[in-house]
């Protein structure tokens, strides 16, 4: 599974609508409204690298109210929560 973290700047008065529209897109697993220099963070999870082009520039960036985005593709995931779930299998 390929994970991309998409940091989004949106029109301030449209943040809730933009977040809801992003969350409806296939491949988007979560959308967070955040503080700081960006307005939203979306987590995109797809099976093939090529699908990122369809999801991010093809669908996410076309939502009215998005001013800009910056995408980071994850190499590895490190999560204590996931490790605990894996070790609890079969118990």
N, C-alpha and C. Protein backbone atom coordinates (compact mmCIF):
# COMPACT_ATOMS: atom_id res chain seq x y z
N UNK A 1 0.84 -1.17 0.00
CA UNK A 1 0.00 0.00 0.00
C UNK A 1 0.89 1.24 0.00
N UNK A 2 0.57 2.17 -0.85
CA UNK A 2 1.32 3.43 -0.94
C UNK A 2 0.54 4.49 -0.20
N UNK A 3 1.23 5.22 0.67
CA UNK A 3 0.59 6.29 1.43
C UNK A 3 1.20 7.62 1.04
N UNK A 4 0.34 8.60 0.78
CA UNK A 4 0.77 9.96 0.51
C UNK A 4 0.11 10.87 1.53
N UNK A 5 0.89 11.82 2.03
CA UNK A 5 0.39 12.83 2.95
C UNK A 5 0.27 14.12 2.15
N UNK A 6 -0.95 14.64 2.03
CA UNK A 6 -1.20 15.82 1.20
C UNK A 6 -1.56 16.98 2.12
N UNK A 7 -0.71 18.01 2.12
CA UNK A 7 -0.94 19.20 2.92
C UNK A 7 -1.58 20.25 2.03
N UNK A 8 -2.71 20.77 2.47
CA UNK A 8 -3.57 21.58 1.62
C UNK A 8 -3.83 22.95 2.23
N UNK A 9 -3.71 23.98 1.41
CA UNK A 9 -4.16 25.32 1.78
C UNK A 9 -5.48 25.54 1.06
N UNK A 10 -6.47 26.02 1.81
CA UNK A 10 -7.81 26.21 1.26
C UNK A 10 -8.31 27.61 1.59
N UNK A 11 -9.33 28.04 0.85
CA UNK A 11 -10.00 29.28 1.19
C UNK A 11 -10.57 29.12 2.59
N UNK A 12 -10.26 30.05 3.48
CA UNK A 12 -10.62 29.92 4.89
C UNK A 12 -12.12 29.72 5.09
N UNK A 13 -12.93 30.40 4.33
CA UNK A 13 -14.36 30.29 4.52
C UNK A 13 -14.96 29.01 3.93
N UNK A 14 -14.12 28.18 3.28
CA UNK A 14 -14.61 26.95 2.66
C UNK A 14 -13.96 25.69 3.23
N UNK A 15 -13.19 25.81 4.28
CA UNK A 15 -12.44 24.67 4.82
C UNK A 15 -13.35 23.46 5.11
N UNK A 16 -14.46 23.62 5.82
CA UNK A 16 -15.28 22.42 6.09
C UNK A 16 -15.80 21.75 4.82
N UNK A 17 -16.26 22.53 3.86
CA UNK A 17 -16.78 21.96 2.61
C UNK A 17 -15.69 21.28 1.81
N UNK A 18 -14.51 21.90 1.77
CA UNK A 18 -13.38 21.32 1.06
C UNK A 18 -12.98 20.00 1.71
N UNK A 19 -12.90 19.98 3.04
CA UNK A 19 -12.52 18.76 3.76
C UNK A 19 -13.52 17.64 3.49
N UNK A 20 -14.80 17.95 3.51
CA UNK A 20 -15.82 16.93 3.25
C UNK A 20 -15.73 16.40 1.82
N UNK A 21 -15.48 17.29 0.87
CA UNK A 21 -15.36 16.85 -0.53
C UNK A 21 -14.14 15.96 -0.71
N UNK A 22 -13.03 16.29 -0.07
CA UNK A 22 -11.83 15.47 -0.16
C UNK A 22 -12.08 14.10 0.45
N UNK A 23 -12.74 14.06 1.60
CA UNK A 23 -13.00 12.81 2.31
C UNK A 23 -13.87 11.84 1.49
N UNK A 24 -14.64 12.36 0.55
CA UNK A 24 -15.51 11.52 -0.28
C UNK A 24 -14.77 10.83 -1.43
N UNK A 25 -13.53 11.23 -1.70
CA UNK A 25 -12.78 10.70 -2.83
C UNK A 25 -12.24 9.31 -2.51
N UNK A 26 -12.44 8.36 -3.42
CA UNK A 26 -11.86 7.02 -3.26
C UNK A 26 -10.35 7.14 -3.19
N UNK A 27 -9.76 6.49 -2.21
CA UNK A 27 -8.32 6.54 -2.01
C UNK A 27 -7.93 7.45 -0.86
N UNK A 28 -8.81 8.36 -0.48
CA UNK A 28 -8.55 9.24 0.67
C UNK A 28 -9.08 8.53 1.91
N UNK A 29 -8.18 8.26 2.86
CA UNK A 29 -8.61 7.54 4.06
C UNK A 29 -9.00 8.47 5.19
N UNK A 30 -8.35 9.64 5.28
CA UNK A 30 -8.62 10.56 6.38
C UNK A 30 -8.31 11.97 5.92
N UNK A 31 -9.02 12.93 6.51
CA UNK A 31 -8.76 14.35 6.30
C UNK A 31 -8.80 15.03 7.65
N UNK A 32 -7.76 15.82 7.95
CA UNK A 32 -7.68 16.52 9.22
C UNK A 32 -7.63 18.02 8.99
N UNK A 33 -8.38 18.76 9.77
CA UNK A 33 -8.26 20.22 9.82
C UNK A 33 -7.20 20.50 10.87
N UNK A 34 -6.19 21.30 10.52
CA UNK A 34 -5.04 21.48 11.41
C UNK A 34 -4.69 22.97 11.57
N UNK A 35 -3.86 23.24 12.57
CA UNK A 35 -3.36 24.58 12.78
C UNK A 35 -2.03 24.74 12.06
N UNK A 36 -1.58 25.98 11.95
CA UNK A 36 -0.28 26.24 11.35
C UNK A 36 -0.39 26.82 9.96
N UNK A 37 0.61 26.59 9.14
CA UNK A 37 0.70 27.17 7.82
C UNK A 37 -0.17 26.52 6.76
N UNK A 38 -0.78 25.40 7.10
CA UNK A 38 -1.69 24.73 6.17
C UNK A 38 -3.05 24.57 6.85
N UNK A 39 -4.06 24.25 6.07
CA UNK A 39 -5.41 24.15 6.61
C UNK A 39 -5.88 22.71 6.81
N UNK A 40 -5.49 21.83 5.88
CA UNK A 40 -5.95 20.45 5.91
C UNK A 40 -4.80 19.49 5.61
N UNK A 41 -4.87 18.31 6.18
CA UNK A 41 -3.96 17.22 5.83
C UNK A 41 -4.83 16.03 5.43
N UNK A 42 -4.58 15.51 4.24
CA UNK A 42 -5.30 14.34 3.76
C UNK A 42 -4.33 13.18 3.64
N UNK A 43 -4.75 12.00 4.08
CA UNK A 43 -3.96 10.79 3.90
C UNK A 43 -4.57 10.02 2.75
N UNK A 44 -3.76 9.76 1.74
CA UNK A 44 -4.19 9.03 0.55
C UNK A 44 -3.50 7.68 0.57
N UNK A 45 -4.28 6.62 0.41
CA UNK A 45 -3.71 5.27 0.39
C UNK A 45 -4.21 4.56 -0.86
N UNK A 46 -3.26 4.15 -1.70
CA UNK A 46 -3.58 3.47 -2.95
C UNK A 46 -2.68 2.25 -3.10
N UNK A 47 -3.06 1.35 -3.98
CA UNK A 47 -2.27 0.13 -4.20
C UNK A 47 -1.10 0.34 -5.15
N UNK A 48 -1.29 1.20 -6.14
CA UNK A 48 -0.24 1.41 -7.15
C UNK A 48 0.14 2.88 -7.22
N UNK A 49 1.40 3.12 -7.44
CA UNK A 49 1.92 4.49 -7.52
C UNK A 49 1.16 5.32 -8.56
N UNK A 50 0.80 4.70 -9.67
CA UNK A 50 0.13 5.40 -10.75
C UNK A 50 -1.23 5.97 -10.32
N UNK A 51 -1.84 5.35 -9.33
CA UNK A 51 -3.14 5.81 -8.85
C UNK A 51 -3.05 7.17 -8.15
N UNK A 52 -1.87 7.53 -7.65
CA UNK A 52 -1.72 8.81 -6.99
C UNK A 52 -2.05 9.96 -7.94
N UNK A 53 -1.68 9.83 -9.21
CA UNK A 53 -1.95 10.89 -10.19
C UNK A 53 -3.45 11.08 -10.39
N UNK A 54 -4.21 10.01 -10.34
CA UNK A 54 -5.65 10.13 -10.49
C UNK A 54 -6.27 10.77 -9.25
N UNK A 55 -5.81 10.37 -8.07
CA UNK A 55 -6.42 10.83 -6.83
C UNK A 55 -6.02 12.27 -6.50
N UNK A 56 -4.72 12.59 -6.55
CA UNK A 56 -4.28 13.89 -6.04
C UNK A 56 -4.46 15.00 -7.09
N UNK A 57 -3.68 15.05 -8.16
CA UNK A 57 -3.93 16.14 -9.11
C UNK A 57 -5.22 15.96 -9.90
N UNK A 58 -5.63 14.71 -10.09
CA UNK A 58 -6.82 14.45 -10.89
C UNK A 58 -8.14 14.75 -10.18
N UNK A 59 -8.17 14.58 -8.85
CA UNK A 59 -9.44 14.77 -8.14
C UNK A 59 -9.33 15.74 -6.97
N UNK A 60 -8.36 15.53 -6.07
CA UNK A 60 -8.25 16.39 -4.90
C UNK A 60 -8.01 17.84 -5.31
N UNK A 61 -7.00 18.09 -6.13
CA UNK A 61 -6.63 19.47 -6.47
C UNK A 61 -7.66 20.19 -7.32
N UNK A 62 -8.64 19.50 -7.82
CA UNK A 62 -9.68 20.13 -8.64
C UNK A 62 -10.89 20.58 -7.83
N UNK A 63 -10.86 20.34 -6.54
CA UNK A 63 -11.98 20.74 -5.69
C UNK A 63 -11.97 22.26 -5.53
N UNK A 64 -13.10 22.91 -5.80
CA UNK A 64 -13.17 24.36 -5.62
C UNK A 64 -12.86 24.74 -4.17
N UNK A 65 -12.05 25.75 -4.00
CA UNK A 65 -11.67 26.21 -2.67
C UNK A 65 -10.26 25.81 -2.27
N UNK A 66 -9.64 24.91 -3.02
CA UNK A 66 -8.25 24.55 -2.74
C UNK A 66 -7.34 25.57 -3.41
N UNK A 67 -6.45 26.16 -2.63
CA UNK A 67 -5.53 27.16 -3.16
C UNK A 67 -4.21 26.53 -3.59
N UNK A 68 -3.72 25.56 -2.82
CA UNK A 68 -2.48 24.87 -3.17
C UNK A 68 -2.36 23.59 -2.35
N UNK A 69 -1.46 22.71 -2.78
CA UNK A 69 -1.20 21.49 -2.01
C UNK A 69 0.26 21.11 -2.15
N UNK A 70 0.72 20.33 -1.20
CA UNK A 70 2.09 19.83 -1.17
C UNK A 70 2.01 18.37 -0.76
N UNK A 71 2.50 17.47 -1.62
CA UNK A 71 2.35 16.04 -1.39
C UNK A 71 3.68 15.40 -0.99
N UNK A 72 3.62 14.54 0.02
CA UNK A 72 4.77 13.77 0.48
C UNK A 72 4.40 12.30 0.43
N UNK A 73 5.24 11.49 -0.21
CA UNK A 73 4.99 10.06 -0.29
C UNK A 73 5.79 9.36 0.80
N UNK A 74 5.12 8.51 1.56
CA UNK A 74 5.76 7.82 2.68
C UNK A 74 6.59 6.65 2.18
N UNK A 75 7.80 6.49 2.75
CA UNK A 75 8.65 5.34 2.45
C UNK A 75 8.33 4.18 3.39
N UNK A 76 8.24 4.48 4.68
CA UNK A 76 7.98 3.47 5.70
C UNK A 76 6.98 4.01 6.71
N UNK A 77 6.29 3.10 7.39
CA UNK A 77 5.39 3.48 8.48
C UNK A 77 5.91 2.89 9.77
N UNK A 78 5.97 3.72 10.80
CA UNK A 78 6.41 3.28 12.11
C UNK A 78 5.29 3.60 13.08
N UNK A 79 4.72 2.57 13.68
CA UNK A 79 3.60 2.79 14.57
C UNK A 79 3.61 1.75 15.68
N UNK A 80 3.69 2.21 16.89
CA UNK A 80 3.62 1.32 18.03
C UNK A 80 2.27 0.61 18.06
N UNK A 81 1.22 1.33 17.70
CA UNK A 81 -0.13 0.74 17.69
C UNK A 81 -0.20 -0.45 16.74
N UNK A 82 0.34 -0.31 15.54
CA UNK A 82 0.31 -1.40 14.57
C UNK A 82 1.11 -2.60 15.07
N UNK A 83 2.25 -2.35 15.71
CA UNK A 83 3.07 -3.44 16.22
C UNK A 83 2.33 -4.21 17.31
N UNK A 84 1.64 -3.51 18.19
CA UNK A 84 0.89 -4.18 19.24
C UNK A 84 -0.22 -5.04 18.65
N UNK A 85 -0.88 -4.55 17.62
CA UNK A 85 -1.95 -5.33 16.98
C UNK A 85 -1.37 -6.60 16.35
N UNK A 86 -0.22 -6.49 15.73
CA UNK A 86 0.40 -7.64 15.08
C UNK A 86 0.79 -8.71 16.10
N UNK A 87 1.33 -8.31 17.25
CA UNK A 87 1.76 -9.28 18.25
C UNK A 87 0.59 -9.88 19.02
N UNK A 88 -0.59 -9.27 18.95
CA UNK A 88 -1.72 -9.82 19.67
C UNK A 88 -2.51 -10.83 18.85
N UNK A 89 -2.12 -11.07 17.60
CA UNK A 89 -2.82 -12.05 16.77
C UNK A 89 -2.70 -13.44 17.38
N UNK A 90 -3.81 -14.14 17.39
CA UNK A 90 -3.80 -15.51 17.86
C UNK A 90 -3.91 -15.66 19.35
N UNK A 91 -3.99 -14.57 20.09
CA UNK A 91 -4.12 -14.68 21.54
C UNK A 91 -5.56 -14.80 21.97
